[in-house]
Amino acid sequence: MTFPMSILEKIKLYLLKEKARISGRISSIKQQDPFSDPDRLIDNAASDTEAKEEASHERMEALEKELRRNMAEIEEALSRIKKGTYGKCQSCKKLIDTDRLAVKPTAKYCVKCEQKREKK
């Protein structure tokens, strides 16, 4: 058993919008990253400025990494919709509760299987 196409279309639309939003955030982060400035190395900035830029760069990298992970989860969920396996737990093969999918539309596992995975 799978979800009705009308529900899957709404989920797909939401995921596509979220993917576009995340893509925009990644672009914005890249522009804000102090290390993306080609003139950065020409400036003879003070060491405290250099340290601030380094810390800012590390925060930007961490945020970008998290956003790319979210993007990959969205792409996987879209792939499952296309294959007809969306909403099925990848471990026990039972349907994932709709409340869980409403909170986390990229969920691959039901709550029970997710808890088992987290304990490992």
PDB file of N, CA and C in Angstrom:
ATOM      1  N   MET A   1       0.841  -1.185   0.000  1.00  0.00           N
ATOM      2  CA  MET A   1       0.000   0.000   0.000  1.00  0.00           C
ATOM      3  C   MET A   1       0.886   1.249   0.000  1.00  0.00           C
ATOM      4  N   THR A   2       0.465   2.243  -0.749  1.00  0.00           N
ATOM      5  CA  THR A   2       1.192   3.511  -0.806  1.00  0.00           C
ATOM      6  C   THR A   2       0.219   4.656  -0.554  1.00  0.00           C
ATOM      7  N   PHE A   3       0.749   5.846  -0.513  1.00  0.00           N
ATOM      8  CA  PHE A   3      -0.077   7.024  -0.291  1.00  0.00           C
ATOM      9  C   PHE A   3      -0.788   7.414  -1.582  1.00  0.00           C
ATOM     10  N   PRO A   4      -1.967   8.052  -1.464  1.00  0.00           N
ATOM     11  CA  PRO A   4      -2.679   8.512  -2.665  1.00  0.00           C
ATOM     12  C   PRO A   4      -1.843   9.542  -3.422  1.00  0.00           C
ATOM     13  N   MET A   5      -1.994   9.544  -4.729  1.00  0.00           N
ATOM     14  CA  MET A   5      -1.212  10.447  -5.582  1.00  0.00           C
ATOM     15  C   MET A   5      -1.442  11.913  -5.210  1.00  0.00           C
ATOM     16  N   SER A   6      -2.661  12.262  -4.793  1.00  0.00           N
ATOM     17  CA  SER A   6      -2.949  13.658  -4.434  1.00  0.00           C
ATOM     18  C   SER A   6      -2.075  14.107  -3.256  1.00  0.00           C
ATOM     19  N   ILE A   7      -1.862  13.221  -2.305  1.00  0.00           N
ATOM     20  CA  ILE A   7      -1.005  13.545  -1.155  1.00  0.00           C
ATOM     21  C   ILE A   7       0.455  13.587  -1.585  1.00  0.00           C
ATOM     22  N   LEU A   8       0.857  12.626  -2.401  1.00  0.00           N
ATOM     23  CA  LEU A   8       2.251  12.588  -2.875  1.00  0.00           C
ATOM     24  C   LEU A   8       2.599  13.836  -3.679  1.00  0.00           C
ATOM     25  N   GLU A   9       1.656  14.327  -4.476  1.00  0.00           N
ATOM     26  CA  GLU A   9       1.913  15.545  -5.263  1.00  0.00           C
ATOM     27  C   GLU A   9       2.149  16.741  -4.350  1.00  0.00           C
ATOM     28  N   LYS A  10       1.377  16.840  -3.272  1.00  0.00           N
ATOM     29  CA  LYS A  10       1.562  17.946  -2.319  1.00  0.00           C
ATOM     30  C   LYS A  10       2.920  17.841  -1.629  1.00  0.00           C
ATOM     31  N   ILE A  11       3.277  16.631  -1.256  1.00  0.00           N
ATOM     32  CA  ILE A  11       4.582  16.416  -0.607  1.00  0.00           C
ATOM     33  C   ILE A  11       5.706  16.748  -1.580  1.00  0.00           C
ATOM     34  N   LYS A  12       5.557  16.294  -2.818  1.00  0.00           N
ATOM     35  CA  LYS A  12       6.570  16.563  -3.847  1.00  0.00           C
ATOM     36  C   LYS A  12       6.731  18.067  -4.057  1.00  0.00           C
ATOM     37  N   LEU A  13       5.615  18.782  -4.136  1.00  0.00           N
ATOM     38  CA  LEU A  13       5.666  20.231  -4.325  1.00  0.00           C
ATOM     39  C   LEU A  13       6.375  20.898  -3.147  1.00  0.00           C
ATOM     40  N   TYR A  14       6.044  20.471  -1.935  1.00  0.00           N
ATOM     41  CA  TYR A  14       6.702  21.017  -0.749  1.00  0.00           C
ATOM     42  C   TYR A  14       8.208  20.759  -0.803  1.00  0.00           C
ATOM     43  N   LEU A  15       8.588  19.522  -1.132  1.00  0.00           N
ATOM     44  CA  LEU A  15      10.010  19.166  -1.178  1.00  0.00           C
ATOM     45  C   LEU A  15      10.752  19.968  -2.246  1.00  0.00           C
ATOM     46  N   LEU A  16      10.119  20.187  -3.390  1.00  0.00           N
ATOM     47  CA  LEU A  16      10.752  20.976  -4.455  1.00  0.00           C
ATOM     48  C   LEU A  16      10.941  22.426  -4.017  1.00  0.00           C
ATOM     49  N   LYS A  17       9.949  22.988  -3.325  1.00  0.00           N
ATOM     50  CA  LYS A  17      10.079  24.361  -2.813  1.00  0.00           C
ATOM     51  C   LYS A  17      11.194  24.440  -1.772  1.00  0.00           C
ATOM     52  N   GLU A  18      11.245  23.443  -0.909  1.00  0.00           N
ATOM     53  CA  GLU A  18      12.279  23.403   0.128  1.00  0.00           C
ATOM     54  C   GLU A  18      13.667  23.271  -0.508  1.00  0.00           C
ATOM     55  N   LYS A  19      13.758  22.467  -1.548  1.00  0.00           N
ATOM     56  CA  LYS A  19      15.029  22.292  -2.267  1.00  0.00           C
ATOM     57  C   LYS A  19      15.488  23.621  -2.866  1.00  0.00           C
ATOM     58  N   ALA A  20      14.561  24.364  -3.463  1.00  0.00           N
ATOM     59  CA  ALA A  20      14.900  25.667  -4.044  1.00  0.00           C
ATOM     60  C   ALA A  20      15.321  26.652  -2.955  1.00  0.00           C
ATOM     61  N   ARG A  21      14.621  26.626  -1.820  1.00  0.00           N
ATOM     62  CA  ARG A  21      14.961  27.521  -0.709  1.00  0.00           C
ATOM     63  C   ARG A  21      16.367  27.222  -0.191  1.00  0.00           C
ATOM     64  N   ILE A  22      16.671  25.947  -0.028  1.00  0.00           N
ATOM     65  CA  ILE A  22      17.993  25.546   0.470  1.00  0.00           C
ATOM     66  C   ILE A  22      19.076  25.916  -0.536  1.00  0.00           C
ATOM     67  N   SER A  23      18.793  25.727  -1.799  1.00  0.00           N
ATOM     68  CA  SER A  23      19.756  26.087  -2.841  1.00  0.00           C
ATOM     69  C   SER A  23      20.076  27.581  -2.776  1.00  0.00           C
ATOM     70  N   GLY A  24      19.048  28.391  -2.561  1.00  0.00           N
ATOM     71  CA  GLY A  24      19.249  29.836  -2.410  1.00  0.00           C
ATOM     72  C   GLY A  24      20.082  30.167  -1.186  1.00  0.00           C
ATOM     73  N   ARG A  25      19.831  29.457  -0.090  1.00  0.00           N
ATOM     74  CA  ARG A  25      20.606  29.673   1.134  1.00  0.00           C
ATOM     75  C   ARG A  25      22.072  29.322   0.926  1.00  0.00           C
ATOM     76  N   ILE A  26      22.327  28.227   0.210  1.00  0.00           N
ATOM     77  CA  ILE A  26      23.710  27.816  -0.052  1.00  0.00           C
ATOM     78  C   ILE A  26      24.422  28.891  -0.865  1.00  0.00           C
ATOM     79  N   SER A  27      23.749  29.424  -1.881  1.00  0.00           N
ATOM     80  CA  SER A  27      24.341  30.496  -2.697  1.00  0.00           C
ATOM     81  C   SER A  27      24.636  31.723  -1.845  1.00  0.00           C
ATOM     82  N   SER A  28      23.704  32.070  -0.980  1.00  0.00           N
ATOM     83  CA  SER A  28      23.877  33.224  -0.106  1.00  0.00           C
ATOM     84  C   SER A  28      25.054  33.025   0.847  1.00  0.00           C
ATOM     85  N   ILE A  29      25.168  31.832   1.389  1.00  0.00           N
ATOM     86  CA  ILE A  29      26.270  31.525   2.312  1.00  0.00           C
ATOM     87  C   ILE A  29      27.611  31.648   1.602  1.00  0.00           C
ATOM     88  N   LYS A  30      27.672  31.148   0.376  1.00  0.00           N
ATOM     89  CA  LYS A  30      28.928  31.231  -0.378  1.00  0.00           C
ATOM     90  C   LYS A  30      29.331  32.686  -0.598  1.00  0.00           C
ATOM     91  N   GLN A  31      28.353  33.555  -0.841  1.00  0.00           N
ATOM     92  CA  GLN A  31      28.654  34.970  -1.058  1.00  0.00           C
ATOM     93  C   GLN A  31      29.099  35.654   0.232  1.00  0.00           C
ATOM     94  N   GLN A  32      28.563  35.200   1.364  1.00  0.00           N
ATOM     95  CA  GLN A  32      28.901  35.814   2.650  1.00  0.00           C
ATOM     96  C   GLN A  32      30.219  35.307   3.224  1.00  0.00           C
ATOM     97  N   ASP A  33      30.694  34.197   2.726  1.00  0.00           N
ATOM     98  CA  ASP A  33      31.925  33.600   3.251  1.00  0.00           C
ATOM     99  C   ASP A  33      33.097  34.537   2.976  1.00  0.00           C
ATOM    100  N   PRO A  34      33.792  34.975   4.027  1.00  0.00           N
ATOM    101  CA  PRO A  34      34.910  35.898   3.825  1.00  0.00           C
ATOM    102  C   PRO A  34      36.022  35.298   2.958  1.00  0.00           C
ATOM    103  N   PHE A  35      36.118  33.986   2.907  1.00  0.00           N
ATOM    104  CA  PHE A  35      37.159  33.354   2.102  1.00  0.00           C
ATOM    105  C   PHE A  35      36.823  33.367   0.615  1.00  0.00           C
ATOM    106  N   SER A  36      35.592  33.747   0.265  1.00  0.00           N
ATOM    107  CA  SER A  36      35.229  33.790  -1.151  1.00  0.00           C
ATOM    108  C   SER A  36      35.670  35.096  -1.812  1.00  0.00           C
ATOM    109  N   ASP A  37      36.107  36.057  -1.012  1.00  0.00           N
ATOM    110  CA  ASP A  37      36.573  37.335  -1.548  1.00  0.00           C
ATOM    111  C   ASP A  37      37.960  37.155  -2.154  1.00  0.00           C
ATOM    112  N   PRO A  38      38.089  37.355  -3.483  1.00  0.00           N
ATOM    113  CA  PRO A  38      39.393  37.151  -4.120  1.00  0.00           C
ATOM    114  C   PRO A  38      40.465  38.140  -3.643  1.00  0.00           C
ATOM    115  N   ASP A  39      40.056  39.292  -3.130  1.00  0.00           N
ATOM    116  CA  ASP A  39      41.010  40.295  -2.653  1.00  0.00           C
ATOM    117  C   ASP A  39      41.415  40.066  -1.191  1.00  0.00           C
ATOM    118  N   ARG A  40      40.876  39.043  -0.579  1.00  0.00           N
ATOM    119  CA  ARG A  40      41.136  38.771   0.829  1.00  0.00           C
ATOM    120  C   ARG A  40      42.635  38.626   1.119  1.00  0.00           C
ATOM    121  N   LEU A  41      43.340  37.931   0.266  1.00  0.00           N
ATOM    122  CA  LEU A  41      44.762  37.684   0.503  1.00  0.00           C
ATOM    123  C   LEU A  41      45.623  38.915   0.247  1.00  0.00           C
ATOM    124  N   ILE A  42      45.106  39.838  -0.553  1.00  0.00           N
ATOM    125  CA  ILE A  42      45.852  41.064  -0.847  1.00  0.00           C
ATOM    126  C   ILE A  42      45.847  41.987   0.367  1.00  0.00           C
ATOM    127  N   ASP A  43      44.698  42.004   1.069  1.00  0.00           N
ATOM    128  CA  ASP A  43      44.591  42.830   2.274  1.00  0.00           C
ATOM    129  C   ASP A  43      45.585  42.351   3.320  1.00  0.00           C
ATOM    130  N   ASN A  44      46.249  43.287   3.935  1.00  0.00           N
ATOM    131  CA  ASN A  44      47.127  42.951   5.055  1.00  0.00           C
ATOM    132  C   ASN A  44      46.364  43.242   6.343  1.00  0.00           C
ATOM    133  N   ALA A  45      45.313  42.473   6.556  1.00  0.00           N
ATOM    134  CA  ALA A  45      44.447  42.700   7.711  1.00  0.00           C
ATOM    135  C   ALA A  45      45.157  42.305   8.997  1.00  0.00           C
ATOM    136  N   ALA A  46      44.696  42.902  10.063  1.00  0.00           N
ATOM    137  CA  ALA A  46      45.245  42.584  11.383  1.00  0.00           C
ATOM    138  C   ALA A  46      44.932  41.130  11.723  1.00  0.00           C
ATOM    139  N   SER A  47      45.726  40.583  12.635  1.00  0.00           N
ATOM    140  CA  SER A  47      45.556  39.168  12.978  1.00  0.00           C
ATOM    141  C   SER A  47      44.192  38.889  13.607  1.00  0.00           C
ATOM    142  N   ASP A  48      43.628  39.880  14.344  1.00  0.00           N
ATOM    143  CA  ASP A  48      42.301  39.650  14.926  1.00  0.00           C
ATOM    144  C   ASP A  48      41.236  39.587  13.836  1.00  0.00           C
ATOM    145  N   THR A  49      41.412  40.358  12.776  1.00  0.00           N
ATOM    146  CA  THR A  49      40.492  40.297  11.639  1.00  0.00           C
ATOM    147  C   THR A  49      40.618  38.950  10.956  1.00  0.00           C
ATOM    148  N   GLU A  50      41.834  38.490  10.809  1.00  0.00           N
ATOM    149  CA  GLU A  50      42.091  37.178  10.203  1.00  0.00           C
ATOM    150  C   GLU A  50      41.413  36.075  11.018  1.00  0.00           C
ATOM    151  N   ALA A  51      41.521  36.163  12.335  1.00  0.00           N
ATOM    152  CA  ALA A  51      40.903  35.157  13.209  1.00  0.00           C
ATOM    153  C   ALA A  51      39.382  35.192  13.089  1.00  0.00           C
ATOM    154  N   LYS A  52      38.815  36.398  13.010  1.00  0.00           N
ATOM    155  CA  LYS A  52      37.360  36.531  12.851  1.00  0.00           C
ATOM    156  C   LYS A  52      36.909  35.946  11.517  1.00  0.00           C
ATOM    157  N   GLU A  53      37.687  36.227  10.468  1.00  0.00           N
ATOM    158  CA  GLU A  53      37.352  35.684   9.150  1.00  0.00           C
ATOM    159  C   GLU A  53      37.424  34.162   9.160  1.00  0.00           C
ATOM    160  N   GLU A  54      38.427  33.620   9.833  1.00  0.00           N
ATOM    161  CA  GLU A  54      38.583  32.165   9.921  1.00  0.00           C
ATOM    162  C   GLU A  54      37.388  31.543  10.642  1.00  0.00           C
ATOM    163  N   ALA A  55      36.983  32.150  11.762  1.00  0.00           N
ATOM    164  CA  ALA A  55      35.840  31.639  12.525  1.00  0.00           C
ATOM    165  C   ALA A  55      34.558  31.744  11.703  1.00  0.00           C
ATOM    166  N   SER A  56      34.393  32.854  11.014  1.00  0.00           N
ATOM    167  CA  SER A  56      33.209  33.041  10.169  1.00  0.00           C
ATOM    168  C   SER A  56      33.184  32.014   9.043  1.00  0.00           C
ATOM    169  N   HIS A  57      34.343  31.782   8.453  1.00  0.00           N
ATOM    170  CA  HIS A  57      34.457  30.797   7.373  1.00  0.00           C
ATOM    171  C   HIS A  57      34.082  29.402   7.878  1.00  0.00           C
ATOM    172  N   GLU A  58      34.549  29.050   9.057  1.00  0.00           N
ATOM    173  CA  GLU A  58      34.242  27.728   9.616  1.00  0.00           C
ATOM    174  C   GLU A  58      32.748  27.577   9.884  1.00  0.00           C
ATOM    175  N   ARG A  59      32.109  28.649  10.386  1.00  0.00           N
ATOM    176  CA  ARG A  59      30.653  28.611  10.610  1.00  0.00           C
ATOM    177  C   ARG A  59      29.916  28.446   9.286  1.00  0.00           C
ATOM    178  N   MET A  60      30.362  29.188   8.286  1.00  0.00           N
ATOM    179  CA  MET A  60      29.732  29.110   6.961  1.00  0.00           C
ATOM    180  C   MET A  60      29.877  27.707   6.374  1.00  0.00           C
ATOM    181  N   GLU A  61      31.057  27.125   6.521  1.00  0.00           N
ATOM    182  CA  GLU A  61      31.282  25.767   6.012  1.00  0.00           C
ATOM    183  C   GLU A  61      30.385  24.756   6.716  1.00  0.00           C
ATOM    184  N   ALA A  62      30.255  24.883   8.027  1.00  0.00           N
ATOM    185  CA  ALA A  62      29.410  23.954   8.797  1.00  0.00           C
ATOM    186  C   ALA A  62      27.946  24.092   8.383  1.00  0.00           C
ATOM    187  N   LEU A  63      27.495  25.322   8.215  1.00  0.00           N
ATOM    188  CA  LEU A  63      26.115  25.558   7.800  1.00  0.00           C
ATOM    189  C   LEU A  63      25.870  25.024   6.396  1.00  0.00           C
ATOM    190  N   GLU A  64      26.819  25.270   5.499  1.00  0.00           N
ATOM    191  CA  GLU A  64      26.679  24.771   4.130  1.00  0.00           C
ATOM    192  C   GLU A  64      26.642  23.241   4.111  1.00  0.00           C
ATOM    193  N   LYS A  65      27.476  22.619   4.926  1.00  0.00           N
ATOM    194  CA  LYS A  65      27.494  21.150   4.999  1.00  0.00           C
ATOM    195  C   LYS A  65      26.134  20.616   5.454  1.00  0.00           C
ATOM    196  N   GLU A  66      25.548  21.250   6.471  1.00  0.00           N
ATOM    197  CA  GLU A  66      24.233  20.841   6.977  1.00  0.00           C
ATOM    198  C   GLU A  66      23.156  21.039   5.903  1.00  0.00           C
ATOM    199  N   LEU A  67      23.210  22.155   5.201  1.00  0.00           N
ATOM    200  CA  LEU A  67      22.233  22.413   4.142  1.00  0.00           C
ATOM    201  C   LEU A  67      22.371  21.405   3.005  1.00  0.00           C
ATOM    202  N   ARG A  68      23.596  21.045   2.667  1.00  0.00           N
ATOM    203  CA  ARG A  68      23.808  20.040   1.609  1.00  0.00           C
ATOM    204  C   ARG A  68      23.297  18.661   2.052  1.00  0.00           C
ATOM    205  N   ARG A  69      23.424  18.360   3.331  1.00  0.00           N
ATOM    206  CA  ARG A  69      22.881  17.103   3.857  1.00  0.00           C
ATOM    207  C   ARG A  69      21.351  17.113   3.748  1.00  0.00           C
ATOM    208  N   ASN A  70      20.749  18.252   4.096  1.00  0.00           N
ATOM    209  CA  ASN A  70      19.296  18.393   3.959  1.00  0.00           C
ATOM    210  C   ASN A  70      18.871  18.259   2.502  1.00  0.00           C
ATOM    211  N   MET A  71      19.651  18.846   1.613  1.00  0.00           N
ATOM    212  CA  MET A  71      19.356  18.772   0.177  1.00  0.00           C
ATOM    213  C   MET A  71      19.400  17.320  -0.292  1.00  0.00           C
ATOM    214  N   ALA A  72      20.389  16.574   0.157  1.00  0.00           N
ATOM    215  CA  ALA A  72      20.505  15.161  -0.227  1.00  0.00           C
ATOM    216  C   ALA A  72      19.306  14.366   0.283  1.00  0.00           C
ATOM    217  N   GLU A  73      18.854  14.663   1.508  1.00  0.00           N
ATOM    218  CA  GLU A  73      17.678  13.981   2.054  1.00  0.00           C
ATOM    219  C   GLU A  73      16.440  14.274   1.212  1.00  0.00           C
ATOM    220  N   ILE A  74      16.308  15.515   0.778  1.00  0.00           N
ATOM    221  CA  ILE A  74      15.173  15.900  -0.066  1.00  0.00           C
ATOM    222  C   ILE A  74      15.238  15.169  -1.397  1.00  0.00           C
ATOM    223  N   GLU A  75      16.421  15.131  -1.998  1.00  0.00           N
ATOM    224  CA  GLU A  75      16.569  14.438  -3.283  1.00  0.00           C
ATOM    225  C   GLU A  75      16.254  12.951  -3.151  1.00  0.00           C
ATOM    226  N   GLU A  76      16.655  12.344  -2.026  1.00  0.00           N
ATOM    227  CA  GLU A  76      16.330  10.936  -1.783  1.00  0.00           C
ATOM    228  C   GLU A  76      14.822  10.751  -1.654  1.00  0.00           C
ATOM    229  N   ALA A  77      14.158  11.651  -0.935  1.00  0.00           N
ATOM    230  CA  ALA A  77      12.703  11.558  -0.762  1.00  0.00           C
ATOM    231  C   ALA A  77      11.993  11.715  -2.107  1.00  0.00           C
ATOM    232  N   LEU A  78      12.451  12.652  -2.930  1.00  0.00           N
ATOM    233  CA  LEU A  78      11.863  12.832  -4.264  1.00  0.00           C
ATOM    234  C   LEU A  78      12.058  11.578  -5.110  1.00  0.00           C
ATOM    235  N   SER A  79      13.206  10.957  -4.978  1.00  0.00           N
ATOM    236  CA  SER A  79      13.478   9.712  -5.700  1.00  0.00           C
ATOM    237  C   SER A  79      12.530   8.604  -5.241  1.00  0.00           C
ATOM    238  N   ARG A  80      12.284   8.531  -3.934  1.00  0.00           N
ATOM    239  CA  ARG A  80      11.365   7.511  -3.413  1.00  0.00           C
ATOM    240  C   ARG A  80       9.940   7.761  -3.905  1.00  0.00           C
ATOM    241  N   ILE A  81       9.549   9.029  -4.019  1.00  0.00           N
ATOM    242  CA  ILE A  81       8.220   9.344  -4.562  1.00  0.00           C
ATOM    243  C   ILE A  81       8.135   8.825  -5.990  1.00  0.00           C
ATOM    244  N   LYS A  82       9.167   9.099  -6.770  1.00  0.00           N
ATOM    245  CA  LYS A  82       9.195   8.674  -8.177  1.00  0.00           C
ATOM    246  C   LYS A  82       9.144   7.147  -8.302  1.00  0.00           C
ATOM    247  N   LYS A  83       9.858   6.449  -7.417  1.00  0.00           N
ATOM    248  CA  LYS A  83       9.916   4.980  -7.462  1.00  0.00           C
ATOM    249  C   LYS A  83       8.673   4.318  -6.867  1.00  0.00           C
ATOM    250  N   GLY A  84       7.870   5.103  -6.144  1.00  0.00           N
ATOM    251  CA  GLY A  84       6.688   4.534  -5.507  1.00  0.00           C
ATOM    252  C   GLY A  84       6.959   3.913  -4.154  1.00  0.00           C
ATOM    253  N   THR A  85       8.103   4.243  -3.560  1.00  0.00           N
ATOM    254  CA  THR A  85       8.450   3.675  -2.253  1.00  0.00           C
ATOM    255  C   THR A  85       8.385   4.706  -1.134  1.00  0.00           C
ATOM    256  N   TYR A  86       7.952   5.925  -1.454  1.00  0.00           N
ATOM    257  CA  TYR A  86       7.892   6.982  -0.440  1.00  0.00           C
ATOM    258  C   TYR A  86       6.910   6.586   0.658  1.00  0.00           C
ATOM    259  N   GLY A  87       7.316   6.822   1.888  1.00  0.00           N
ATOM    260  CA  GLY A  87       6.444   6.563   3.024  1.00  0.00           C
ATOM    261  C   GLY A  87       6.550   5.156   3.577  1.00  0.00           C
ATOM    262  N   LYS A  88       7.373   4.331   2.947  1.00  0.00           N
ATOM    263  CA  LYS A  88       7.608   2.978   3.465  1.00  0.00           C
ATOM    264  C   LYS A  88       8.934   2.977   4.210  1.00  0.00           C
ATOM    265  N   CYS A  89       8.916   2.396   5.387  1.00  0.00           N
ATOM    266  CA  CYS A  89      10.135   2.287   6.190  1.00  0.00           C
ATOM    267  C   CYS A  89      11.145   1.433   5.432  1.00  0.00           C
ATOM    268  N   GLN A  90      12.362   1.914   5.315  1.00  0.00           N
ATOM    269  CA  GLN A  90      13.392   1.179   4.586  1.00  0.00           C
ATOM    270  C   GLN A  90      13.931  -0.003   5.379  1.00  0.00           C
ATOM    271  N   SER A  91      13.519  -0.110   6.631  1.00  0.00           N
ATOM    272  CA  SER A  91      13.967  -1.230   7.446  1.00  0.00           C
ATOM    273  C   SER A  91      12.894  -2.317   7.533  1.00  0.00           C
ATOM    274  N   CYS A  92      11.723  -1.980   8.074  1.00  0.00           N
ATOM    275  CA  CYS A  92      10.678  -2.992   8.285  1.00  0.00           C
ATOM    276  C   CYS A  92       9.669  -3.059   7.137  1.00  0.00           C
ATOM    277  N   LYS A  93       9.739  -2.109   6.199  1.00  0.00           N
ATOM    278  CA  LYS A  93       8.872  -2.043   5.008  1.00  0.00           C
ATOM    279  C   LYS A  93       7.422  -1.683   5.316  1.00  0.00           C
ATOM    280  N   LYS A  94       7.107  -1.332   6.567  1.00  0.00           N
ATOM    281  CA  LYS A  94       5.757  -0.888   6.911  1.00  0.00           C
ATOM    282  C   LYS A  94       5.627   0.589   6.563  1.00  0.00           C
ATOM    283  N   LEU A  95       4.369   1.063   6.452  1.00  0.00           N
ATOM    284  CA  LEU A  95       4.161   2.478   6.177  1.00  0.00           C
ATOM    285  C   LEU A  95       4.593   3.323   7.371  1.00  0.00           C
ATOM    286  N   ILE A  96       5.251   4.422   7.069  1.00  0.00           N
ATOM    287  CA  ILE A  96       5.649   5.376   8.103  1.00  0.00           C
ATOM    288  C   ILE A  96       4.405   6.174   8.472  1.00  0.00           C
ATOM    289  N   ASP A  97       4.214   6.411   9.757  1.00  0.00           N
ATOM    290  CA  ASP A  97       3.054   7.148  10.241  1.00  0.00           C
ATOM    291  C   ASP A  97       2.987   8.530   9.590  1.00  0.00           C
ATOM    292  N   THR A  98       1.789   8.936   9.189  1.00  0.00           N
ATOM    293  CA  THR A  98       1.627  10.224   8.502  1.00  0.00           C
ATOM    294  C   THR A  98       2.013  11.400   9.396  1.00  0.00           C
ATOM    295  N   ASP A  99       1.826  11.263  10.710  1.00  0.00           N
ATOM    296  CA  ASP A  99       2.247  12.341  11.620  1.00  0.00           C
ATOM    297  C   ASP A  99       3.761  12.537  11.551  1.00  0.00           C
ATOM    298  N   ARG A 100       4.492  11.452  11.464  1.00  0.00           N
ATOM    299  CA  ARG A 100       5.958  11.537  11.352  1.00  0.00           C
ATOM    300  C   ARG A 100       6.344  12.204  10.035  1.00  0.00           C
ATOM    301  N   LEU A 101       5.688  11.801   8.953  1.00  0.00           N
ATOM    302  CA  LEU A 101       6.000  12.383   7.647  1.00  0.00           C
ATOM    303  C   LEU A 101       5.605  13.859   7.583  1.00  0.00           C
ATOM    304  N   ALA A 102       4.565  14.236   8.322  1.00  0.00           N
ATOM    305  CA  ALA A 102       4.163  15.645   8.352  1.00  0.00           C
ATOM    306  C   ALA A 102       5.244  16.491   9.012  1.00  0.00           C
ATOM    307  N   VAL A 103       5.889  15.933  10.033  1.00  0.00           N
ATOM    308  CA  VAL A 103       6.955  16.645  10.748  1.00  0.00           C
ATOM    309  C   VAL A 103       8.272  16.563   9.989  1.00  0.00           C
ATOM    310  N   LYS A 104       8.556  15.388   9.432  1.00  0.00           N
ATOM    311  CA  LYS A 104       9.810  15.171   8.705  1.00  0.00           C
ATOM    312  C   LYS A 104       9.500  14.444   7.397  1.00  0.00           C
ATOM    313  N   PRO A 105       9.174  15.199   6.343  1.00  0.00           N
ATOM    314  CA  PRO A 105       8.784  14.566   5.077  1.00  0.00           C
ATOM    315  C   PRO A 105       9.892  13.765   4.399  1.00  0.00           C
ATOM    316  N   THR A 106      11.118  13.903   4.876  1.00  0.00           N
ATOM    317  CA  THR A 106      12.229  13.147   4.289  1.00  0.00           C
ATOM    318  C   THR A 106      12.522  11.859   5.058  1.00  0.00           C
ATOM    319  N   ALA A 107      11.685  11.534   6.048  1.00  0.00           N
ATOM    320  CA  ALA A 107      11.925  10.352   6.889  1.00  0.00           C
ATOM    321  C   ALA A 107      12.009   9.084   6.047  1.00  0.00           C
ATOM    322  N   LYS A 108      13.022   8.270   6.351  1.00  0.00           N
ATOM    323  CA  LYS A 108      13.206   6.985   5.659  1.00  0.00           C
ATOM    324  C   LYS A 108      12.776   5.815   6.526  1.00  0.00           C
ATOM    325  N   TYR A 109      12.639   6.067   7.825  1.00  0.00           N
ATOM    326  CA  TYR A 109      12.343   4.995   8.768  1.00  0.00           C
ATOM    327  C   TYR A 109      11.161   5.381   9.645  1.00  0.00           C
ATOM    328  N   CYS A 110      10.399   4.376  10.060  1.00  0.00           N
ATOM    329  CA  CYS A 110       9.334   4.607  11.033  1.00  0.00           C
ATOM    330  C   CYS A 110       9.994   4.942  12.373  1.00  0.00           C
ATOM    331  N   VAL A 111       9.211   5.435  13.304  1.00  0.00           N
ATOM    332  CA  VAL A 111       9.756   5.851  14.600  1.00  0.00           C
ATOM    333  C   VAL A 111      10.462   4.685  15.294  1.00  0.00           C
ATOM    334  N   LYS A 112       9.836   3.527  15.288  1.00  0.00           N
ATOM    335  CA  LYS A 112      10.401   2.361  15.972  1.00  0.00           C
ATOM    336  C   LYS A 112      11.768   1.983  15.392  1.00  0.00           C
ATOM    337  N   CYS A 113      11.865   1.914  14.069  1.00  0.00           N
ATOM    338  CA  CYS A 113      13.139   1.550  13.427  1.00  0.00           C
ATOM    339  C   CYS A 113      14.181   2.654  13.586  1.00  0.00           C
ATOM    340  N   GLU A 114      13.740   3.909  13.568  1.00  0.00           N
ATOM    341  CA  GLU A 114      14.669   5.030  13.770  1.00  0.00           C
ATOM    342  C   GLU A 114      15.271   4.959  15.171  1.00  0.00           C
ATOM    343  N   GLN A 115      14.446   4.649  16.150  1.00  0.00           N
ATOM    344  CA  GLN A 115      14.946   4.532  17.523  1.00  0.00           C
ATOM    345  C   GLN A 115      15.949   3.389  17.641  1.00  0.00           C
ATOM    346  N   LYS A 116      15.695   2.287  16.962  1.00  0.00           N
ATOM    347  CA  LYS A 116      16.643   1.170  16.967  1.00  0.00           C
ATOM    348  C   LYS A 116      17.974   1.599  16.353  1.00  0.00           C
ATOM    349  N   ARG A 117      17.905   2.356  15.251  1.00  0.00           N
ATOM    350  CA  ARG A 117      19.119   2.814  14.572  1.00  0.00           C
ATOM    351  C   ARG A 117      19.920   3.763  15.465  1.00  0.00           C
ATOM    352  N   GLU A 118      19.231   4.622  16.198  1.00  0.00           N
ATOM    353  CA  GLU A 118      19.913   5.588  17.061  1.00  0.00           C
ATOM    354  C   GLU A 118      20.610   4.920  18.237  1.00  0.00           C
ATOM    355  N   LYS A 119      20.094   3.781  18.672  1.00  0.00           N
ATOM    356  CA  LYS A 119      20.698   3.066  19.798  1.00  0.00           C
ATOM    357  C   LYS A 119      21.991   2.379  19.404  1.00  0.00           C
ATOM    358  N   LYS A 120      22.162   2.111  18.121  1.00  0.00           N
ATOM    359  CA  LYS A 120      23.370   1.405  17.653  1.00  0.00           C
ATOM    360  C   LYS A 120      24.586   2.276  17.737  1.00  0.00           C
TER     361      LYS A 120
END
